């Protein structure tokens, strides 16, 4: 499966990112509660959020008010909206807290310095590999197959993300996800 590593690619970076944030005690640490928006859609992201605790989600809100989740971010990850950062654009997505969080604000301007080139390259490599895995995951599977994969390989996602948020990520409604869960229970 080309998407076998979906959600695992950040594991190798956790220690390095933690060491990086520890080297910079001047970085601001903030506490947030579920539902808080840390970056509004349309704003420019000036800091990446290293997640010490909690979870974030990036979402787009349509003109009709429909919310579509793009990605989940977990402890040990550095939450950056890469496309906007690279092109120096305002965000097409919002970043919201889905589980009470402690965030370390990492100024993105630091990655312009020569001393962070290696870390920046590793972040880009990680992001590219993750996007390739996610693309395969979404294109090669039905919604039920996607859910089965998460059940087998990413049980922490299934256990720690609400049904509504998980359904949104998988590309179905919460009711559709409930039907899938019931079908799986009946088969087992």
N, C-alpha and C. Protein backbone atom coordinates (compact mmCIF):
# COMPACT_ATOMS: atom_id res chain seq x y z
N UNK A 1 0.84 -1.18 0.00
CA UNK A 1 0.00 0.00 0.00
C UNK A 1 0.88 1.25 0.00
N UNK A 2 0.70 2.11 -1.00
CA UNK A 2 1.52 3.33 -1.04
C UNK A 2 1.20 4.31 0.08
N UNK A 3 0.11 4.09 0.79
CA UNK A 3 -0.30 5.00 1.85
C UNK A 3 -0.11 4.40 3.23
N UNK A 4 0.63 3.31 3.32
CA UNK A 4 0.83 2.60 4.58
C UNK A 4 1.36 3.52 5.68
N UNK A 5 2.18 4.47 5.29
CA UNK A 5 2.80 5.35 6.28
C UNK A 5 1.97 6.60 6.58
N UNK A 6 0.76 6.67 6.05
CA UNK A 6 -0.09 7.84 6.29
C UNK A 6 -0.21 8.09 7.79
N UNK A 7 0.13 9.29 8.21
CA UNK A 7 0.03 9.64 9.62
C UNK A 7 1.24 9.25 10.45
N UNK A 8 2.22 8.60 9.86
CA UNK A 8 3.41 8.20 10.61
C UNK A 8 4.64 9.01 10.23
N UNK A 9 4.57 9.73 9.15
CA UNK A 9 5.76 10.39 8.64
C UNK A 9 6.35 11.40 9.60
N UNK A 10 5.54 11.95 10.46
CA UNK A 10 6.03 12.96 11.40
C UNK A 10 6.80 12.35 12.56
N UNK A 11 6.66 11.06 12.77
CA UNK A 11 7.30 10.39 13.91
C UNK A 11 8.80 10.63 13.95
N UNK A 12 9.46 10.57 12.81
CA UNK A 12 10.92 10.72 12.78
C UNK A 12 11.35 12.15 13.08
N UNK A 13 10.44 13.09 12.94
CA UNK A 13 10.78 14.50 13.15
C UNK A 13 10.52 14.96 14.59
N UNK A 14 9.74 14.21 15.35
CA UNK A 14 9.32 14.68 16.68
C UNK A 14 10.50 15.07 17.57
N UNK A 15 11.47 14.21 17.68
CA UNK A 15 12.62 14.48 18.56
C UNK A 15 13.38 15.71 18.09
N UNK A 16 13.56 15.82 16.78
CA UNK A 16 14.30 16.96 16.24
C UNK A 16 13.53 18.27 16.44
N UNK A 17 12.23 18.23 16.23
CA UNK A 17 11.41 19.43 16.43
C UNK A 17 11.35 19.81 17.91
N UNK A 18 11.25 18.81 18.78
CA UNK A 18 11.23 19.08 20.21
C UNK A 18 12.55 19.72 20.65
N UNK A 19 13.66 19.19 20.15
CA UNK A 19 14.97 19.76 20.48
C UNK A 19 15.06 21.20 19.96
N UNK A 20 14.53 21.43 18.77
CA UNK A 20 14.55 22.77 18.18
C UNK A 20 13.76 23.76 19.04
N UNK A 21 12.58 23.35 19.50
CA UNK A 21 11.79 24.26 20.34
C UNK A 21 12.44 24.45 21.71
N UNK A 22 13.09 23.40 22.23
CA UNK A 22 13.78 23.52 23.52
C UNK A 22 14.98 24.47 23.43
N UNK A 23 15.60 24.54 22.26
CA UNK A 23 16.74 25.44 22.05
C UNK A 23 16.31 26.90 22.02
N UNK A 24 15.01 27.13 21.91
CA UNK A 24 14.48 28.50 21.79
C UNK A 24 13.45 28.77 22.88
N UNK A 25 13.92 29.01 24.11
CA UNK A 25 12.97 29.28 25.20
C UNK A 25 12.16 30.55 24.98
N UNK A 26 12.61 31.38 24.03
CA UNK A 26 11.87 32.62 23.75
C UNK A 26 10.58 32.37 22.95
N UNK A 27 10.42 31.17 22.40
CA UNK A 27 9.19 30.86 21.67
C UNK A 27 8.01 30.95 22.63
N UNK A 28 6.95 31.55 22.17
CA UNK A 28 5.73 31.70 22.98
C UNK A 28 5.00 30.37 23.05
N UNK A 29 4.53 30.02 24.26
CA UNK A 29 3.70 28.83 24.47
C UNK A 29 2.32 29.31 24.90
N UNK A 30 1.29 28.76 24.25
CA UNK A 30 -0.08 29.18 24.58
C UNK A 30 -0.96 27.96 24.81
N UNK A 31 -1.98 28.16 25.64
CA UNK A 31 -2.97 27.11 25.90
C UNK A 31 -4.26 27.48 25.17
N UNK A 32 -4.89 26.46 24.59
CA UNK A 32 -6.12 26.69 23.83
C UNK A 32 -7.14 25.60 24.16
N UNK A 33 -8.41 25.95 24.04
CA UNK A 33 -9.48 24.99 24.28
C UNK A 33 -10.14 24.60 22.97
N UNK A 34 -10.79 23.44 23.01
CA UNK A 34 -11.48 22.92 21.82
C UNK A 34 -12.39 24.00 21.23
N UNK A 35 -12.33 24.12 19.93
CA UNK A 35 -13.17 25.07 19.22
C UNK A 35 -12.50 26.39 18.91
N UNK A 36 -11.39 26.68 19.58
CA UNK A 36 -10.68 27.94 19.31
C UNK A 36 -10.06 27.91 17.91
N UNK A 37 -10.11 29.04 17.24
CA UNK A 37 -9.46 29.21 15.95
C UNK A 37 -8.11 29.88 16.22
N UNK A 38 -7.01 29.22 15.83
CA UNK A 38 -5.69 29.81 16.05
C UNK A 38 -5.20 30.56 14.81
N UNK A 39 -5.77 30.23 13.65
CA UNK A 39 -5.50 30.97 12.42
C UNK A 39 -6.79 31.00 11.62
N UNK A 40 -7.27 32.18 11.33
CA UNK A 40 -8.51 32.31 10.56
C UNK A 40 -8.23 32.19 9.07
N UNK A 41 -9.18 31.63 8.35
CA UNK A 41 -9.10 31.54 6.90
C UNK A 41 -8.96 32.96 6.36
N UNK A 42 -7.98 33.17 5.49
CA UNK A 42 -7.74 34.51 4.95
C UNK A 42 -6.61 35.25 5.63
N UNK A 43 -6.21 34.80 6.83
CA UNK A 43 -5.08 35.42 7.52
C UNK A 43 -3.78 34.81 7.04
N UNK A 44 -2.70 35.52 7.25
CA UNK A 44 -1.38 35.02 6.88
C UNK A 44 -0.77 34.30 8.07
N UNK A 45 -0.19 33.14 7.84
CA UNK A 45 0.43 32.38 8.92
C UNK A 45 1.87 32.85 9.09
N UNK A 46 2.16 33.45 10.23
CA UNK A 46 3.51 33.93 10.53
C UNK A 46 4.27 32.98 11.43
N UNK A 47 3.55 32.09 12.11
CA UNK A 47 4.18 31.11 12.99
C UNK A 47 3.65 29.72 12.67
N UNK A 48 4.54 28.74 12.82
CA UNK A 48 4.10 27.35 12.81
C UNK A 48 3.75 27.00 14.24
N UNK A 49 2.88 26.04 14.42
CA UNK A 49 2.46 25.64 15.76
C UNK A 49 3.00 24.25 16.06
N UNK A 50 4.00 24.19 16.94
CA UNK A 50 4.47 22.89 17.40
C UNK A 50 3.51 22.46 18.50
N UNK A 51 2.92 21.29 18.33
CA UNK A 51 1.88 20.84 19.25
C UNK A 51 2.51 20.02 20.37
N UNK A 52 2.56 20.60 21.56
CA UNK A 52 3.04 19.86 22.73
C UNK A 52 1.95 18.93 23.25
N UNK A 53 0.71 19.40 23.16
CA UNK A 53 -0.43 18.63 23.66
C UNK A 53 -1.65 19.04 22.84
N UNK A 54 -2.54 18.07 22.60
CA UNK A 54 -3.79 18.39 21.91
C UNK A 54 -3.75 18.06 20.43
N UNK A 55 -4.77 18.54 19.73
CA UNK A 55 -4.90 18.29 18.29
C UNK A 55 -5.47 19.52 17.60
N UNK A 56 -5.03 19.70 16.35
CA UNK A 56 -5.55 20.78 15.50
C UNK A 56 -6.10 20.18 14.22
N UNK A 57 -6.91 20.96 13.52
CA UNK A 57 -7.41 20.57 12.21
C UNK A 57 -7.34 21.79 11.30
N UNK A 58 -6.94 21.56 10.05
CA UNK A 58 -7.03 22.63 9.05
C UNK A 58 -8.28 22.37 8.24
N UNK A 59 -9.07 23.42 8.03
CA UNK A 59 -10.35 23.30 7.35
C UNK A 59 -10.57 24.50 6.46
N UNK A 60 -11.33 24.27 5.39
CA UNK A 60 -11.78 25.36 4.53
C UNK A 60 -13.27 25.53 4.76
N UNK A 61 -13.69 26.77 4.78
CA UNK A 61 -15.11 27.07 4.94
C UNK A 61 -15.60 27.69 3.64
N UNK A 62 -16.60 27.06 3.02
CA UNK A 62 -17.13 27.56 1.75
C UNK A 62 -17.97 28.80 1.98
N UNK A 63 -18.32 29.47 0.89
CA UNK A 63 -19.18 30.66 1.00
C UNK A 63 -20.53 30.30 1.60
N UNK A 64 -20.96 29.05 1.41
CA UNK A 64 -22.22 28.58 1.97
C UNK A 64 -22.11 28.13 3.42
N UNK A 65 -20.90 28.22 3.99
CA UNK A 65 -20.70 27.85 5.38
C UNK A 65 -20.33 26.40 5.61
N UNK A 66 -20.16 25.61 4.54
CA UNK A 66 -19.78 24.20 4.69
C UNK A 66 -18.30 24.11 5.06
N UNK A 67 -18.01 23.28 6.05
CA UNK A 67 -16.62 23.08 6.51
C UNK A 67 -16.10 21.77 5.93
N UNK A 68 -14.91 21.83 5.32
CA UNK A 68 -14.24 20.63 4.81
C UNK A 68 -12.87 20.54 5.45
N UNK A 69 -12.61 19.42 6.13
CA UNK A 69 -11.32 19.23 6.79
C UNK A 69 -10.26 18.81 5.77
N UNK A 70 -9.11 19.43 5.90
CA UNK A 70 -7.98 19.10 5.04
C UNK A 70 -7.03 18.15 5.74
N UNK A 71 -6.74 18.46 7.00
CA UNK A 71 -5.72 17.67 7.70
C UNK A 71 -5.88 17.77 9.21
N UNK A 72 -5.44 16.70 9.89
CA UNK A 72 -5.35 16.69 11.35
C UNK A 72 -3.89 16.80 11.74
N UNK A 73 -3.63 17.43 12.88
CA UNK A 73 -2.28 17.59 13.40
C UNK A 73 -2.26 17.13 14.85
N UNK A 74 -1.23 16.36 15.20
CA UNK A 74 -1.15 15.68 16.48
C UNK A 74 0.08 16.14 17.28
N UNK A 75 0.15 15.77 18.58
CA UNK A 75 1.31 16.15 19.39
C UNK A 75 2.63 15.73 18.73
N UNK A 76 3.60 16.63 18.80
CA UNK A 76 4.91 16.37 18.22
C UNK A 76 5.04 16.85 16.79
N UNK A 77 3.95 17.35 16.22
CA UNK A 77 3.99 17.84 14.84
C UNK A 77 4.08 19.36 14.82
N UNK A 78 4.66 19.86 13.74
CA UNK A 78 4.72 21.29 13.50
C UNK A 78 3.67 21.61 12.44
N UNK A 79 2.66 22.34 12.84
CA UNK A 79 1.52 22.64 11.99
C UNK A 79 1.82 23.87 11.14
N UNK A 80 2.03 23.63 9.85
CA UNK A 80 2.31 24.70 8.89
C UNK A 80 1.45 24.45 7.66
N UNK A 81 0.85 25.49 7.13
CA UNK A 81 0.14 25.40 5.86
C UNK A 81 1.18 25.70 4.77
N UNK A 82 1.78 24.63 4.25
CA UNK A 82 2.97 24.74 3.42
C UNK A 82 2.77 25.54 2.14
N UNK A 83 1.71 25.29 1.40
CA UNK A 83 1.53 25.97 0.11
C UNK A 83 1.48 27.49 0.28
N UNK A 84 0.76 27.94 1.29
CA UNK A 84 0.67 29.37 1.54
C UNK A 84 2.00 29.93 2.04
N UNK A 85 2.69 29.16 2.87
CA UNK A 85 3.98 29.59 3.40
C UNK A 85 4.99 29.76 2.25
N UNK A 86 5.08 28.75 1.41
CA UNK A 86 6.05 28.78 0.30
C UNK A 86 5.78 29.97 -0.62
N UNK A 87 4.50 30.22 -0.90
CA UNK A 87 4.14 31.29 -1.84
C UNK A 87 3.88 32.63 -1.15
N UNK A 88 4.04 32.67 0.17
CA UNK A 88 3.84 33.89 0.95
C UNK A 88 2.45 34.48 0.73
N UNK A 89 1.43 33.61 0.85
CA UNK A 89 0.04 34.00 0.64
C UNK A 89 -0.77 33.92 1.92
N UNK A 90 -1.91 34.56 1.90
CA UNK A 90 -2.87 34.40 2.98
C UNK A 90 -3.42 32.98 2.93
N UNK A 91 -3.88 32.51 4.06
CA UNK A 91 -4.31 31.12 4.18
C UNK A 91 -5.67 30.86 3.53
N UNK A 92 -5.75 29.76 2.81
CA UNK A 92 -7.02 29.28 2.26
C UNK A 92 -7.76 28.44 3.29
N UNK A 93 -7.12 28.20 4.43
CA UNK A 93 -7.67 27.32 5.46
C UNK A 93 -7.61 28.02 6.81
N UNK A 94 -8.44 27.54 7.72
CA UNK A 94 -8.33 27.96 9.11
C UNK A 94 -7.69 26.82 9.89
N UNK A 95 -7.07 27.15 11.00
CA UNK A 95 -6.53 26.15 11.91
C UNK A 95 -7.33 26.25 13.20
N UNK A 96 -7.93 25.13 13.60
CA UNK A 96 -8.78 25.11 14.79
C UNK A 96 -8.33 24.02 15.74
N UNK A 97 -8.57 24.24 17.01
CA UNK A 97 -8.25 23.29 18.06
C UNK A 97 -9.41 22.29 18.18
N UNK A 98 -9.10 20.99 18.07
CA UNK A 98 -10.15 19.98 18.24
C UNK A 98 -9.98 19.19 19.53
N UNK A 99 -8.89 19.42 20.23
CA UNK A 99 -8.68 18.88 21.58
C UNK A 99 -7.81 19.90 22.30
N UNK A 100 -8.17 20.25 23.53
CA UNK A 100 -7.42 21.25 24.29
C UNK A 100 -5.92 21.09 24.02
N UNK A 101 -5.25 22.22 23.77
CA UNK A 101 -3.89 22.15 23.26
C UNK A 101 -2.95 23.12 23.95
N UNK A 102 -1.67 22.73 23.95
CA UNK A 102 -0.57 23.62 24.28
C UNK A 102 0.26 23.72 23.01
N UNK A 103 0.42 24.94 22.52
CA UNK A 103 1.11 25.18 21.26
C UNK A 103 2.35 26.04 21.48
N UNK A 104 3.42 25.69 20.80
CA UNK A 104 4.64 26.49 20.79
C UNK A 104 4.66 27.23 19.46
N UNK A 105 4.74 28.55 19.52
CA UNK A 105 4.72 29.38 18.32
C UNK A 105 6.14 29.47 17.75
N UNK A 106 6.35 28.88 16.58
CA UNK A 106 7.66 28.87 15.93
C UNK A 106 7.61 29.89 14.79
N UNK A 107 8.32 31.01 14.91
CA UNK A 107 8.29 32.02 13.84
C UNK A 107 8.80 31.44 12.52
N UNK A 108 7.97 31.54 11.48
CA UNK A 108 8.36 30.98 10.19
C UNK A 108 9.53 31.74 9.58
N UNK A 109 9.75 32.97 10.01
CA UNK A 109 10.89 33.75 9.53
C UNK A 109 12.22 33.09 9.88
N UNK A 110 12.24 32.27 10.93
CA UNK A 110 13.47 31.56 11.31
C UNK A 110 13.97 30.64 10.20
N UNK A 111 13.03 30.13 9.40
CA UNK A 111 13.41 29.18 8.36
C UNK A 111 14.06 29.85 7.15
N UNK A 112 14.20 31.16 7.19
CA UNK A 112 14.94 31.88 6.16
C UNK A 112 16.43 31.91 6.48
N UNK A 113 16.77 31.55 7.71
CA UNK A 113 18.16 31.58 8.15
C UNK A 113 18.90 30.32 7.69
N UNK A 114 20.17 30.50 7.39
CA UNK A 114 21.01 29.39 6.92
C UNK A 114 21.07 28.26 7.94
N UNK A 115 21.02 28.58 9.22
CA UNK A 115 21.16 27.57 10.27
C UNK A 115 19.98 26.60 10.32
N UNK A 116 18.87 26.95 9.70
CA UNK A 116 17.69 26.07 9.73
C UNK A 116 17.42 25.40 8.38
N UNK A 117 18.33 25.55 7.43
CA UNK A 117 18.12 24.99 6.09
C UNK A 117 17.89 23.48 6.13
N UNK A 118 18.67 22.77 6.91
CA UNK A 118 18.53 21.31 6.97
C UNK A 118 17.17 20.90 7.55
N UNK A 119 16.75 21.56 8.61
CA UNK A 119 15.45 21.26 9.20
C UNK A 119 14.33 21.60 8.23
N UNK A 120 14.44 22.73 7.55
CA UNK A 120 13.43 23.14 6.57
C UNK A 120 13.33 22.10 5.46
N UNK A 121 14.45 21.62 4.97
CA UNK A 121 14.44 20.60 3.92
C UNK A 121 13.76 19.32 4.40
N UNK A 122 14.06 18.91 5.63
CA UNK A 122 13.42 17.71 6.19
C UNK A 122 11.91 17.90 6.32
N UNK A 123 11.49 19.10 6.72
CA UNK A 123 10.05 19.38 6.81
C UNK A 123 9.38 19.27 5.44
N UNK A 124 10.04 19.83 4.42
CA UNK A 124 9.48 19.75 3.06
C UNK A 124 9.42 18.30 2.57
N UNK A 125 10.48 17.54 2.83
CA UNK A 125 10.48 16.13 2.43
C UNK A 125 9.36 15.37 3.12
N UNK A 126 9.21 15.59 4.40
CA UNK A 126 8.16 14.94 5.17
C UNK A 126 6.79 15.30 4.59
N UNK A 127 6.59 16.57 4.28
CA UNK A 127 5.30 17.02 3.76
C UNK A 127 5.02 16.40 2.40
N UNK A 128 6.01 16.35 1.54
CA UNK A 128 5.83 15.75 0.22
C UNK A 128 5.45 14.28 0.33
N UNK A 129 6.16 13.54 1.16
CA UNK A 129 5.85 12.12 1.34
C UNK A 129 4.46 11.92 1.93
N UNK A 130 4.09 12.76 2.88
CA UNK A 130 2.77 12.66 3.47
C UNK A 130 1.69 12.94 2.43
N UNK A 131 1.87 13.98 1.63
CA UNK A 131 0.87 14.32 0.61
C UNK A 131 0.72 13.21 -0.42
N UNK A 132 1.82 12.60 -0.81
CA UNK A 132 1.76 11.47 -1.75
C UNK A 132 0.98 10.31 -1.14
N UNK A 133 1.25 10.01 0.12
CA UNK A 133 0.54 8.91 0.80
C UNK A 133 -0.95 9.23 0.91
N UNK A 134 -1.26 10.47 1.26
CA UNK A 134 -2.67 10.85 1.41
C UNK A 134 -3.40 10.81 0.08
N UNK A 135 -2.74 11.25 -0.98
CA UNK A 135 -3.36 11.21 -2.31
C UNK A 135 -3.71 9.78 -2.70
N UNK A 136 -2.78 8.87 -2.49
CA UNK A 136 -3.05 7.46 -2.79
C UNK A 136 -4.18 6.93 -1.92
N UNK A 137 -4.16 7.27 -0.66
CA UNK A 137 -5.20 6.83 0.29
C UNK A 137 -6.58 7.27 -0.18
N UNK A 138 -6.71 8.51 -0.59
CA UNK A 138 -8.02 9.03 -0.99
C UNK A 138 -8.45 8.55 -2.37
N UNK A 139 -7.51 8.40 -3.29
CA UNK A 139 -7.87 8.03 -4.66
C UNK A 139 -8.08 6.54 -4.87
N UNK A 140 -7.38 5.72 -4.11
CA UNK A 140 -7.40 4.28 -4.36
C UNK A 140 -8.39 3.51 -3.51
N UNK A 141 -9.14 4.20 -2.66
CA UNK A 141 -10.02 3.51 -1.72
C UNK A 141 -11.41 4.14 -1.68
N UNK A 142 -12.39 3.30 -1.40
CA UNK A 142 -13.73 3.80 -1.11
C UNK A 142 -13.71 4.37 0.31
N UNK A 143 -14.77 5.04 0.69
CA UNK A 143 -14.86 5.58 2.05
C UNK A 143 -14.76 4.45 3.06
N UNK A 144 -15.43 3.33 2.80
CA UNK A 144 -15.37 2.21 3.74
C UNK A 144 -13.96 1.65 3.84
N UNK A 145 -13.26 1.54 2.72
CA UNK A 145 -11.88 1.05 2.76
C UNK A 145 -10.98 2.02 3.52
N UNK A 146 -11.22 3.31 3.36
CA UNK A 146 -10.43 4.30 4.11
C UNK A 146 -10.66 4.12 5.61
N UNK A 147 -11.91 3.94 6.00
CA UNK A 147 -12.22 3.76 7.41
C UNK A 147 -11.60 2.47 7.94
N UNK A 148 -11.68 1.39 7.17
CA UNK A 148 -11.08 0.12 7.59
C UNK A 148 -9.57 0.27 7.79
N UNK A 149 -8.93 1.01 6.90
CA UNK A 149 -7.50 1.26 7.04
C UNK A 149 -7.22 1.98 8.36
N UNK A 150 -7.99 3.03 8.64
CA UNK A 150 -7.79 3.76 9.89
C UNK A 150 -8.04 2.87 11.10
N UNK A 151 -9.05 2.01 11.01
CA UNK A 151 -9.33 1.07 12.11
C UNK A 151 -8.14 0.16 12.38
N UNK A 152 -7.52 -0.30 11.31
CA UNK A 152 -6.42 -1.26 11.46
C UNK A 152 -5.09 -0.60 11.79
N UNK A 153 -4.79 0.52 11.13
CA UNK A 153 -3.45 1.09 11.23
C UNK A 153 -3.37 2.40 12.01
N UNK A 154 -4.47 3.11 12.16
CA UNK A 154 -4.47 4.40 12.86
C UNK A 154 -5.59 4.43 13.89
N UNK A 155 -5.58 3.44 14.77
CA UNK A 155 -6.66 3.35 15.77
C UNK A 155 -6.71 4.60 16.64
N UNK A 156 -5.57 5.25 16.84
CA UNK A 156 -5.59 6.48 17.64
C UNK A 156 -6.42 7.56 16.97
N UNK A 157 -6.44 7.60 15.64
CA UNK A 157 -7.29 8.56 14.94
C UNK A 157 -8.76 8.25 15.21
N UNK A 158 -9.11 6.98 15.07
CA UNK A 158 -10.51 6.56 15.24
C UNK A 158 -10.97 6.80 16.67
N UNK A 159 -10.09 6.55 17.63
CA UNK A 159 -10.45 6.69 19.04
C UNK A 159 -10.45 8.15 19.52
N UNK A 160 -9.62 8.99 18.93
CA UNK A 160 -9.42 10.33 19.48
C UNK A 160 -10.03 11.47 18.66
N UNK A 161 -10.56 11.16 17.50
CA UNK A 161 -11.17 12.19 16.65
C UNK A 161 -12.67 11.94 16.62
N UNK A 162 -13.45 12.98 16.77
CA UNK A 162 -14.91 12.81 16.79
C UNK A 162 -15.41 12.22 15.48
N UNK A 163 -16.55 11.53 15.55
CA UNK A 163 -17.15 10.95 14.35
C UNK A 163 -17.38 12.00 13.27
N UNK A 164 -17.88 13.16 13.68
CA UNK A 164 -18.15 14.23 12.72
C UNK A 164 -16.87 14.64 12.00
N UNK A 165 -15.80 14.86 12.76
CA UNK A 165 -14.53 15.27 12.16
C UNK A 165 -13.93 14.17 11.30
N UNK A 166 -14.01 12.94 11.77
CA UNK A 166 -13.47 11.81 11.01
C UNK A 166 -14.25 11.62 9.71
N UNK A 167 -15.56 11.70 9.77
CA UNK A 167 -16.40 11.56 8.57
C UNK A 167 -16.05 12.65 7.56
N UNK A 168 -15.89 13.86 8.04
CA UNK A 168 -15.55 14.97 7.16
C UNK A 168 -14.23 14.69 6.45
N UNK A 169 -13.25 14.21 7.18
CA UNK A 169 -11.94 13.89 6.60
C UNK A 169 -12.03 12.76 5.57
N UNK A 170 -12.85 11.75 5.87
CA UNK A 170 -12.98 10.60 4.98
C UNK A 170 -13.81 10.91 3.73
N UNK A 171 -14.55 12.00 3.78
CA UNK A 171 -15.35 12.38 2.62
C UNK A 171 -16.77 11.88 2.65
N UNK A 172 -17.35 11.78 3.84
CA UNK A 172 -18.74 11.35 3.96
C UNK A 172 -19.39 12.11 5.11
N UNK A 173 -20.66 11.84 5.32
CA UNK A 173 -21.36 12.45 6.45
C UNK A 173 -21.18 11.59 7.69
N UNK A 174 -21.51 12.15 8.84
CA UNK A 174 -21.45 11.37 10.08
C UNK A 174 -22.42 10.20 10.01
N UNK A 175 -23.58 10.40 9.38
CA UNK A 175 -24.55 9.31 9.22
C UNK A 175 -23.99 8.22 8.32
N UNK A 176 -23.31 8.63 7.24
CA UNK A 176 -22.69 7.65 6.35
C UNK A 176 -21.63 6.84 7.07
N UNK A 177 -20.85 7.50 7.92
CA UNK A 177 -19.83 6.79 8.70
C UNK A 177 -20.48 5.82 9.67
N UNK A 178 -21.59 6.22 10.28
CA UNK A 178 -22.31 5.32 11.20
C UNK A 178 -22.80 4.08 10.46
N UNK A 179 -23.29 4.26 9.24
CA UNK A 179 -23.74 3.10 8.44
C UNK A 179 -22.57 2.17 8.13
N UNK A 180 -21.43 2.76 7.79
CA UNK A 180 -20.24 1.95 7.52
C UNK A 180 -19.84 1.17 8.76
N UNK A 181 -19.83 1.82 9.91
CA UNK A 181 -19.48 1.15 11.16
C UNK A 181 -20.44 -0.01 11.44
N UNK A 182 -21.72 0.21 11.22
CA UNK A 182 -22.71 -0.85 11.44
C UNK A 182 -22.50 -2.02 10.50
N UNK A 183 -22.20 -1.75 9.23
CA UNK A 183 -21.94 -2.83 8.26
C UNK A 183 -20.73 -3.65 8.70
N UNK A 184 -19.70 -2.98 9.14
CA UNK A 184 -18.48 -3.67 9.58
C UNK A 184 -18.78 -4.54 10.80
N UNK A 185 -19.55 -4.01 11.75
CA UNK A 185 -19.92 -4.78 12.94
C UNK A 185 -20.70 -6.03 12.56
N UNK A 186 -21.62 -5.90 11.63
CA UNK A 186 -22.44 -7.04 11.20
C UNK A 186 -21.59 -8.11 10.53
N UNK A 187 -20.57 -7.70 9.78
CA UNK A 187 -19.70 -8.66 9.08
C UNK A 187 -18.77 -9.38 10.04
N UNK A 188 -18.43 -8.73 11.13
CA UNK A 188 -17.47 -9.33 12.07
C UNK A 188 -18.19 -10.15 13.05
